[in-house]
N, C-alpha and C. Protein backbone atom coordinates (compact mmCIF):
# COMPACT_ATOMS: atom_id res chain seq x y z
N MET A 1 77.37 57.02 142.28
CA MET A 1 76.13 56.29 142.18
C MET A 1 76.45 54.84 141.80
N ALA A 2 75.89 53.90 142.54
CA ALA A 2 76.09 52.48 142.26
C ALA A 2 75.27 52.07 141.04
N LEU A 3 75.80 51.13 140.29
CA LEU A 3 75.13 50.65 139.08
C LEU A 3 74.72 49.20 139.23
N ALA A 4 73.61 48.86 138.61
CA ALA A 4 73.15 47.47 138.52
C ALA A 4 73.43 47.00 137.10
N LYS A 5 73.91 45.78 136.98
CA LYS A 5 74.21 45.22 135.66
C LYS A 5 73.62 43.82 135.61
N GLN A 6 72.86 43.55 134.54
CA GLN A 6 72.23 42.24 134.37
C GLN A 6 72.35 41.82 132.92
N THR A 7 72.73 40.57 132.72
CA THR A 7 72.85 40.03 131.36
C THR A 7 71.82 38.95 131.14
N PHE A 8 71.17 39.00 129.98
CA PHE A 8 70.20 38.00 129.55
C PHE A 8 70.77 37.32 128.31
N SER A 9 70.78 36.00 128.30
CA SER A 9 71.34 35.25 127.18
C SER A 9 70.26 34.42 126.52
N ASN A 10 70.31 34.34 125.20
CA ASN A 10 69.36 33.51 124.46
C ASN A 10 69.95 32.12 124.26
N GLN A 11 69.40 31.15 124.96
CA GLN A 11 69.82 29.75 124.82
C GLN A 11 68.77 28.94 124.06
N LYS A 12 67.81 29.63 123.46
CA LYS A 12 66.76 28.96 122.68
C LYS A 12 67.26 28.62 121.28
N ASP A 13 66.45 27.90 120.52
CA ASP A 13 66.82 27.52 119.15
C ASP A 13 66.35 28.54 118.11
N GLY A 14 65.74 29.61 118.55
CA GLY A 14 65.28 30.68 117.67
C GLY A 14 65.38 32.01 118.40
N PRO A 15 64.95 33.10 117.77
CA PRO A 15 65.08 34.42 118.40
C PRO A 15 64.18 34.57 119.62
N ILE A 16 64.62 35.45 120.54
CA ILE A 16 63.79 35.89 121.65
C ILE A 16 63.72 37.41 121.59
N TYR A 17 62.74 37.98 122.27
CA TYR A 17 62.52 39.42 122.22
C TYR A 17 62.49 39.97 123.64
N ILE A 18 63.26 41.02 123.85
CA ILE A 18 63.33 41.67 125.16
C ILE A 18 62.89 43.11 125.00
N SER A 19 61.87 43.49 125.75
CA SER A 19 61.35 44.85 125.72
C SER A 19 61.71 45.52 127.04
N ILE A 20 62.23 46.75 126.95
CA ILE A 20 62.55 47.53 128.13
C ILE A 20 61.53 48.65 128.22
N GLU A 21 60.76 48.65 129.29
CA GLU A 21 59.72 49.66 129.45
C GLU A 21 60.02 50.51 130.67
N PRO A 22 59.59 51.73 130.71
CA PRO A 22 58.60 52.34 129.84
C PRO A 22 59.19 53.01 128.59
N ASN A 23 60.42 52.79 128.23
CA ASN A 23 61.13 53.51 127.16
C ASN A 23 60.35 53.66 125.85
N PRO A 24 59.73 52.82 125.21
CA PRO A 24 59.82 51.36 125.17
C PRO A 24 60.75 50.92 124.03
N GLU A 25 61.76 50.22 124.35
CA GLU A 25 62.71 49.71 123.36
C GLU A 25 62.61 48.20 123.35
N CYS A 26 62.63 47.61 122.16
CA CYS A 26 62.55 46.16 122.03
C CYS A 26 63.75 45.67 121.23
N TYR A 27 64.33 44.57 121.66
CA TYR A 27 65.52 44.00 121.03
C TYR A 27 65.26 42.55 120.67
N GLU A 28 65.77 42.14 119.53
CA GLU A 28 65.70 40.75 119.10
C GLU A 28 67.07 40.12 119.34
N LEU A 29 67.09 38.99 120.04
CA LEU A 29 68.32 38.27 120.26
C LEU A 29 68.26 36.94 119.53
N GLU A 30 69.22 36.72 118.67
CA GLU A 30 69.34 35.43 117.99
C GLU A 30 69.96 34.41 118.93
N PRO A 31 69.87 33.12 118.63
CA PRO A 31 70.48 32.11 119.49
C PRO A 31 71.96 32.42 119.74
N GLY A 32 72.35 32.36 121.02
CA GLY A 32 73.73 32.63 121.39
C GLY A 32 74.01 34.09 121.70
N ASP A 33 73.10 35.01 121.35
CA ASP A 33 73.28 36.43 121.65
C ASP A 33 72.99 36.71 123.12
N SER A 34 73.54 37.83 123.62
CA SER A 34 73.24 38.27 124.97
C SER A 34 72.96 39.76 124.97
N LEU A 35 72.15 40.19 125.93
CA LEU A 35 71.81 41.60 126.12
C LEU A 35 72.15 41.95 127.56
N THR A 36 72.91 43.02 127.75
CA THR A 36 73.29 43.48 129.08
C THR A 36 72.69 44.86 129.32
N LEU A 37 72.04 45.02 130.47
CA LEU A 37 71.46 46.30 130.88
C LEU A 37 72.27 46.85 132.05
N ILE A 38 72.54 48.15 132.00
CA ILE A 38 73.23 48.82 133.09
C ILE A 38 72.39 50.02 133.50
N TYR A 39 71.94 50.03 134.76
CA TYR A 39 71.07 51.05 135.32
C TYR A 39 71.62 51.54 136.64
N ALA A 40 71.16 52.70 137.08
CA ALA A 40 71.45 53.18 138.43
C ALA A 40 70.77 52.25 139.43
N LEU A 41 71.49 51.86 140.45
CA LEU A 41 70.97 50.96 141.47
C LEU A 41 70.08 51.73 142.44
N PRO A 42 68.86 51.28 142.68
CA PRO A 42 67.99 51.99 143.62
C PRO A 42 68.51 51.87 145.05
N ALA A 43 68.08 52.78 145.92
CA ALA A 43 68.51 52.78 147.32
C ALA A 43 68.10 51.49 148.02
N ASP A 44 66.95 50.96 147.68
CA ASP A 44 66.53 49.67 148.24
C ASP A 44 65.63 48.97 147.23
N GLY A 45 65.43 47.70 147.43
CA GLY A 45 64.59 46.91 146.54
C GLY A 45 65.33 46.44 145.30
N ASP A 46 64.59 45.86 144.40
CA ASP A 46 65.15 45.29 143.18
C ASP A 46 65.48 46.37 142.16
N ALA A 47 66.51 46.11 141.37
CA ALA A 47 66.87 47.03 140.28
C ALA A 47 65.95 46.86 139.09
N PHE A 48 65.45 45.63 138.87
CA PHE A 48 64.61 45.31 137.72
C PHE A 48 63.49 44.38 138.15
N GLU A 49 62.40 44.45 137.41
CA GLU A 49 61.38 43.41 137.48
C GLU A 49 61.33 42.81 136.08
N VAL A 50 61.31 41.49 135.99
CA VAL A 50 61.24 40.82 134.70
C VAL A 50 59.92 40.08 134.63
N GLN A 51 59.15 40.36 133.56
CA GLN A 51 57.89 39.69 133.34
C GLN A 51 57.96 38.91 132.04
N PHE A 52 57.60 37.65 132.10
CA PHE A 52 57.61 36.81 130.91
C PHE A 52 56.24 36.88 130.24
N VAL A 53 56.23 37.28 128.97
CA VAL A 53 55.00 37.34 128.20
C VAL A 53 54.68 35.95 127.69
N ASN A 54 55.70 35.26 127.20
CA ASN A 54 55.62 33.87 126.79
C ASN A 54 57.05 33.33 126.76
N GLU A 55 57.27 32.18 126.17
CA GLU A 55 58.61 31.57 126.22
C GLU A 55 59.66 32.30 125.38
N ARG A 56 59.25 33.23 124.53
CA ARG A 56 60.21 33.95 123.69
C ARG A 56 60.18 35.46 123.87
N GLU A 57 59.32 35.95 124.77
CA GLU A 57 59.23 37.40 124.98
C GLU A 57 59.28 37.71 126.47
N LEU A 58 60.11 38.69 126.83
CA LEU A 58 60.10 39.16 128.20
C LEU A 58 60.17 40.67 128.24
N VAL A 59 59.63 41.21 129.30
CA VAL A 59 59.59 42.65 129.50
C VAL A 59 60.38 42.97 130.76
N ILE A 60 61.26 43.96 130.66
CA ILE A 60 62.06 44.39 131.79
C ILE A 60 61.57 45.76 132.23
N LEU A 61 61.24 45.86 133.49
CA LEU A 61 60.76 47.10 134.08
C LEU A 61 61.77 47.53 135.13
N PRO A 62 62.59 48.55 134.84
CA PRO A 62 63.58 49.01 135.81
C PRO A 62 62.92 49.77 136.96
N ALA A 63 63.51 49.67 138.14
CA ALA A 63 63.00 50.40 139.29
C ALA A 63 63.23 51.90 139.11
N ASP A 64 64.39 52.27 138.57
CA ASP A 64 64.72 53.69 138.36
C ASP A 64 64.40 54.03 136.91
N THR A 65 63.34 54.81 136.71
CA THR A 65 62.94 55.18 135.35
C THR A 65 63.36 56.60 135.00
N THR A 66 64.23 57.20 135.81
CA THR A 66 64.61 58.59 135.57
C THR A 66 65.71 58.72 134.51
N GLY A 67 66.46 57.67 134.26
CA GLY A 67 67.54 57.75 133.29
C GLY A 67 67.41 56.68 132.23
N GLU A 68 68.12 56.88 131.15
CA GLU A 68 68.15 55.88 130.09
C GLU A 68 69.15 54.79 130.46
N PRO A 69 68.81 53.55 130.22
CA PRO A 69 69.75 52.48 130.53
C PRO A 69 70.87 52.43 129.49
N GLU A 70 71.99 51.88 129.89
CA GLU A 70 73.01 51.54 128.91
C GLU A 70 72.69 50.11 128.49
N VAL A 71 72.58 49.88 127.19
CA VAL A 71 72.22 48.57 126.69
C VAL A 71 73.33 48.09 125.77
N LEU A 72 73.78 46.86 126.02
CA LEU A 72 74.80 46.24 125.19
C LEU A 72 74.24 44.95 124.61
N VAL A 73 74.56 44.67 123.36
CA VAL A 73 74.24 43.39 122.75
C VAL A 73 75.57 42.75 122.38
N ASN A 74 75.80 41.58 122.92
CA ASN A 74 77.06 40.86 122.72
C ASN A 74 78.26 41.71 123.10
N GLY A 75 78.11 42.52 124.15
CA GLY A 75 79.19 43.32 124.69
C GLY A 75 79.45 44.64 123.99
N ALA A 76 78.69 44.95 122.94
CA ALA A 76 78.86 46.21 122.20
C ALA A 76 77.59 47.05 122.32
N SER A 77 77.71 48.34 122.06
CA SER A 77 76.57 49.24 122.13
C SER A 77 75.41 48.72 121.28
N ALA A 78 74.20 48.84 121.82
CA ALA A 78 73.01 48.37 121.11
C ALA A 78 72.32 49.50 120.35
N LYS A 79 72.96 50.66 120.23
CA LYS A 79 72.35 51.78 119.49
C LYS A 79 72.00 51.33 118.08
N GLY A 80 70.79 51.65 117.67
CA GLY A 80 70.33 51.31 116.32
C GLY A 80 69.82 49.89 116.16
N LEU A 81 69.81 49.10 117.24
CA LEU A 81 69.37 47.70 117.15
C LEU A 81 67.97 47.47 117.71
N SER A 82 67.29 48.53 118.13
CA SER A 82 65.98 48.35 118.76
C SER A 82 64.89 49.01 117.92
N TRP A 83 63.67 48.71 118.29
CA TRP A 83 62.53 49.37 117.69
C TRP A 83 61.54 49.67 118.81
N LYS A 84 60.62 50.58 118.55
CA LYS A 84 59.62 50.98 119.56
C LYS A 84 58.52 49.95 119.61
N PHE A 85 58.33 49.37 120.80
CA PHE A 85 57.24 48.42 121.01
C PHE A 85 56.92 48.42 122.48
N LYS A 86 55.65 48.55 122.84
CA LYS A 86 55.25 48.63 124.24
C LYS A 86 54.23 47.54 124.55
N HIS A 87 54.52 46.72 125.55
CA HIS A 87 53.59 45.67 125.98
C HIS A 87 52.50 46.21 126.89
N PHE A 88 52.88 47.12 127.79
CA PHE A 88 51.96 47.57 128.82
C PHE A 88 51.63 49.04 128.66
N PRO A 89 50.37 49.42 128.88
CA PRO A 89 50.03 50.85 128.81
C PRO A 89 50.66 51.59 129.97
N ALA A 90 50.84 52.89 129.78
CA ALA A 90 51.46 53.72 130.84
C ALA A 90 50.56 53.89 132.01
C-alpha cells in the first residue's frame, strides 16, 4: 500500500494548532516545530484536504478515514502530545 506523507511547519511568531479530523486529535506547534502526517494513499484524488480556520488554526481531513494516521512532531512520535478537539460535526 502506497503512503502519503505531508509535513506542516510553524513559521509564525507564536503557536499554531492543527486538528486532524474525524479522529479528532489536535496538536499545538510552537515556532519552528513541524508536524508530519503519514496516511494510506487513496487510489485517486487528494490524500488530504486542508481547511484554514484562521491564521493560527487549520484542520486536516484525510481522504482515507479507515486507519489511524502516523503523526510525528519534529520527527518523533506525537503520542501523548494531542488532545481531543473537533471543529466540524460528524
